[in-house]
Amino acid sequence: MERVLLVAHTKRSAAALENFLREVGLQAEFLISLSSVEARRKLGDQNFDLVIINTPLSDEFGYELAQDMAQYTMAGVLLLVGAEQAGQVAAKTSDSGVLVLPKPVSRLLLQQSLRLAQASHRRLGKLIEENRRLRQKLEDQRLIGRAKCILIECCGMTEPEAHAYIERRAMDERRTKRAVACDILQADTE
């Protein structure tokens, strides 16, 4: 189940927005914040899949909050703005990935925007996981490279021999090449 943070000026407008979202088919756990300070605090404590900000807020207009949410979280961010201001706000927030919707919001536009925000959230999650995996792989290669250098310097092996030694030992011991490289590095420091 998704977690959605609704940020609005009053409880009444937040409740109306929550009801409208439920009517368009969004099944989620809703949390409500009545100011940008409270919203920032909640985002520090919890993760959300979607943040919807109904402007203006009591302590700021709301586009600054939207930009912060888009920059520092993985959540999709929707910003509901009066129709007369939507163009100006969209120009300020478009680079940060915030979706600006003019009020009053039609049911169809909200459904499409929700789907787009959810798809963006999932895609960003996959990219972050891929980034993490690639960073780990790069770190593994660095450790293995350092271990090869030690084998070349201390044992007089060539680079292909050091590579084969690490691979063979990893296979024989049923361990990863990273673990074998860590053993070689640790033995070198002792």
Protein backbone atom coordinates (compact mmCIF):
# COMPACT_ATOMS: atom_id res chain seq x y z
CA MET A 1 0.00 0.00 0.00
CA GLU A 2 1.25 3.43 -0.88
CA ARG A 3 1.89 6.18 1.64
CA VAL A 4 0.71 9.64 0.67
CA LEU A 5 1.47 12.91 2.43
CA LEU A 6 -1.20 15.56 1.93
CA VAL A 7 -0.11 19.10 2.74
CA ALA A 8 -2.83 21.73 2.99
CA HIS A 9 -3.66 24.93 4.89
CA THR A 10 -6.66 23.51 6.77
CA LYS A 11 -7.94 20.13 7.93
CA ARG A 12 -11.07 20.72 5.89
CA SER A 13 -9.21 21.19 2.60
CA ALA A 14 -6.96 18.20 3.38
CA ALA A 15 -10.00 16.01 4.12
CA ALA A 16 -11.70 17.17 0.90
CA LEU A 17 -8.54 16.37 -1.06
CA GLU A 18 -8.28 12.94 0.58
CA ASN A 19 -11.92 12.17 -0.30
CA PHE A 20 -11.36 13.31 -3.88
CA LEU A 21 -8.26 11.08 -4.16
CA ARG A 22 -10.18 8.10 -2.83
CA GLU A 23 -12.97 8.79 -5.36
CA VAL A 24 -10.49 8.71 -8.25
CA GLY A 25 -9.28 5.30 -7.05
CA LEU A 26 -6.14 6.00 -5.05
CA GLN A 27 -5.85 3.37 -2.35
CA ALA A 28 -3.25 4.55 0.11
CA GLU A 29 -2.41 5.40 3.67
CA PHE A 30 -2.91 9.16 3.96
CA LEU A 31 -1.04 11.40 6.41
CA ILE A 32 -1.90 15.06 6.68
CA SER A 33 0.31 18.07 7.39
CA LEU A 34 -1.07 21.56 7.89
CA SER A 35 2.20 23.44 7.32
CA SER A 36 5.46 23.10 5.43
CA VAL A 37 7.38 22.79 8.71
CA GLU A 38 5.23 19.85 9.80
CA ALA A 39 5.55 18.27 6.33
CA ARG A 40 9.33 18.54 6.40
CA ARG A 41 9.38 16.97 9.86
CA LYS A 42 7.24 14.04 8.69
CA LEU A 43 9.47 13.49 5.69
CA GLY A 44 12.47 13.34 8.01
CA ASP A 45 10.79 10.56 9.99
CA GLN A 46 9.04 8.55 7.26
CA ASN A 47 9.16 7.65 3.57
CA PHE A 48 6.33 8.53 1.23
CA ASP A 49 5.51 7.40 -2.27
CA LEU A 50 3.59 10.54 -3.12
CA VAL A 51 3.38 14.10 -1.77
CA ILE A 52 0.45 16.31 -2.74
CA ILE A 53 0.62 19.97 -1.79
CA ASN A 54 -2.52 22.12 -1.97
CA THR A 55 -1.31 25.72 -2.14
CA PRO A 56 -1.17 28.22 -0.56
CA LEU A 57 0.06 26.96 2.80
CA SER A 58 -0.05 28.79 6.12
CA ASP A 59 3.71 29.36 6.39
CA GLU A 60 4.79 29.57 2.73
CA PHE A 61 3.24 29.36 -0.69
CA GLY A 62 4.28 25.73 -1.21
CA TYR A 63 6.46 25.58 -4.30
CA GLU A 64 9.63 25.73 -2.17
CA LEU A 65 8.38 22.74 -0.19
CA ALA A 66 7.58 20.91 -3.43
CA GLN A 67 11.08 21.53 -4.78
CA ASP A 68 12.63 20.28 -1.53
CA MET A 69 10.46 17.15 -1.57
CA ALA A 70 11.40 16.40 -5.16
CA GLN A 71 15.10 17.00 -4.51
CA TYR A 72 15.54 15.16 -1.22
CA THR A 73 13.07 12.28 -1.47
CA MET A 74 12.03 9.61 -3.96
CA ALA A 75 8.38 10.64 -3.69
CA GLY A 76 6.38 11.83 -6.65
CA VAL A 77 5.32 15.43 -6.00
CA LEU A 78 2.06 17.05 -7.14
CA LEU A 79 1.51 20.75 -6.53
CA LEU A 80 -2.06 22.07 -6.75
CA VAL A 81 -2.03 25.76 -7.66
CA GLY A 82 -4.67 28.31 -8.63
CA ALA A 83 -5.12 28.34 -12.41
CA GLU A 84 -3.93 31.96 -12.72
CA GLN A 85 -0.59 31.14 -11.04
CA ALA A 86 -0.01 27.65 -12.47
CA GLY A 87 2.15 28.78 -15.38
CA GLN A 88 4.50 30.87 -13.23
CA VAL A 89 4.85 28.15 -10.58
CA ALA A 90 5.41 25.46 -13.22
CA ALA A 91 8.24 27.54 -14.69
CA LYS A 92 9.90 27.73 -11.25
CA THR A 93 9.50 24.03 -10.40
CA SER A 94 9.71 22.16 -13.71
CA ASP A 95 13.46 21.50 -13.44
CA SER A 96 13.00 19.75 -10.10
CA GLY A 97 10.41 17.27 -11.40
CA VAL A 98 7.35 18.67 -9.65
CA LEU A 99 4.02 18.18 -11.43
CA VAL A 100 1.95 21.37 -11.24
CA LEU A 101 -1.83 21.04 -11.60
CA PRO A 102 -4.13 24.05 -11.97
CA LYS A 103 -7.08 24.27 -9.57
CA PRO A 104 -9.85 23.31 -9.85
CA VAL A 105 -8.46 19.91 -10.85
CA SER A 106 -10.49 17.67 -13.10
CA ARG A 107 -10.90 14.02 -12.18
CA LEU A 108 -9.23 12.82 -15.40
CA LEU A 109 -6.23 15.15 -15.05
CA LEU A 110 -5.72 14.09 -11.44
CA GLN A 111 -5.89 10.38 -12.33
CA GLN A 112 -3.36 10.83 -15.14
CA SER A 113 -1.06 12.88 -12.93
CA LEU A 114 -1.24 10.29 -10.15
CA ARG A 115 -0.31 7.53 -12.58
CA LEU A 116 2.57 9.61 -13.91
CA ALA A 117 3.83 10.40 -10.39
CA GLN A 118 3.57 6.74 -9.37
CA ALA A 119 5.40 5.60 -12.50
CA SER A 120 8.13 8.19 -11.90
CA HIS A 121 8.47 7.02 -8.29
CA ARG A 122 8.87 3.38 -9.34
CA ARG A 123 11.33 4.28 -12.09
CA LEU A 124 13.41 6.41 -9.73
CA GLY A 125 13.47 3.55 -7.22
CA LYS A 126 14.81 1.19 -9.88
CA LEU A 127 17.45 3.71 -10.92
CA ILE A 128 18.58 4.19 -7.33
CA GLU A 129 18.83 0.44 -6.84
CA GLU A 130 20.80 0.08 -10.08
CA ASN A 131 23.10 2.89 -8.97
CA ARG A 132 23.68 1.16 -5.62
CA ARG A 133 24.43 -2.14 -7.37
CA LEU A 134 26.90 -0.50 -9.77
CA ARG A 135 28.65 1.34 -6.94
CA GLN A 136 29.05 -1.96 -5.11
CA LYS A 137 30.43 -3.60 -8.23
CA LEU A 138 32.89 -0.74 -8.72
CA GLU A 139 34.04 -1.01 -5.10
CA ASP A 140 34.48 -4.77 -5.57
CA GLN A 141 36.66 -4.14 -8.63
CA ARG A 142 38.78 -1.63 -6.70
CA LEU A 143 39.38 -4.13 -3.89
CA ILE A 144 40.22 -6.90 -6.36
CA GLY A 145 42.59 -4.56 -8.21
CA ARG A 146 44.38 -3.64 -5.00
CA ALA A 147 44.66 -7.34 -4.09
CA LYS A 148 46.15 -8.08 -7.51
CA CYS A 149 48.74 -5.34 -6.98
CA ILE A 150 49.74 -6.90 -3.68
CA LEU A 151 50.08 -10.33 -5.30
CA ILE A 152 52.19 -8.82 -8.10
CA GLU A 153 54.47 -6.95 -5.66
CA CYS A 154 54.78 -9.55 -2.92
CA CYS A 155 54.54 -12.84 -4.78
CA GLY A 156 56.08 -11.87 -8.12
CA MET A 157 52.96 -12.82 -10.07
CA THR A 158 51.95 -11.27 -13.37
CA GLU A 159 48.60 -9.55 -13.59
CA PRO A 160 46.93 -12.53 -15.37
CA GLU A 161 48.39 -14.90 -12.77
CA ALA A 162 47.12 -12.73 -9.90
CA HIS A 163 43.69 -12.56 -11.55
CA ALA A 164 43.61 -16.34 -12.03
CA TYR A 165 44.77 -16.90 -8.45
CA ILE A 166 41.93 -14.81 -7.02
CA GLU A 167 39.35 -16.47 -9.28
CA ARG A 168 40.61 -19.97 -8.54
CA ARG A 169 40.73 -19.39 -4.79
CA ALA A 170 37.21 -17.91 -4.84
CA MET A 171 35.93 -20.97 -6.71
CA ASP A 172 37.76 -23.45 -4.51
CA GLU A 173 36.57 -21.82 -1.30
CA ARG A 174 33.07 -21.07 -2.68
CA ARG A 175 33.41 -17.40 -1.82
CA THR A 176 33.21 -14.20 -3.76
CA LYS A 177 36.25 -12.63 -5.38
CA ARG A 178 35.63 -9.63 -3.11
CA ALA A 179 35.96 -11.81 0.01
CA VAL A 180 39.18 -13.35 -1.28
CA ALA A 181 40.54 -9.90 -2.13
CA CYS A 182 39.68 -8.67 1.38
CA ASP A 183 41.59 -11.63 2.84
CA ILE A 184 44.64 -10.79 0.70
CA LEU A 185 44.47 -7.12 1.71
CA GLN A 186 44.08 -8.00 5.36
CA ALA A 187 47.00 -10.46 5.24
CA ASP A 188 49.15 -7.76 3.68
CA THR A 189 48.49 -5.33 6.54
CA GLU A 190 49.35 -7.89 9.21
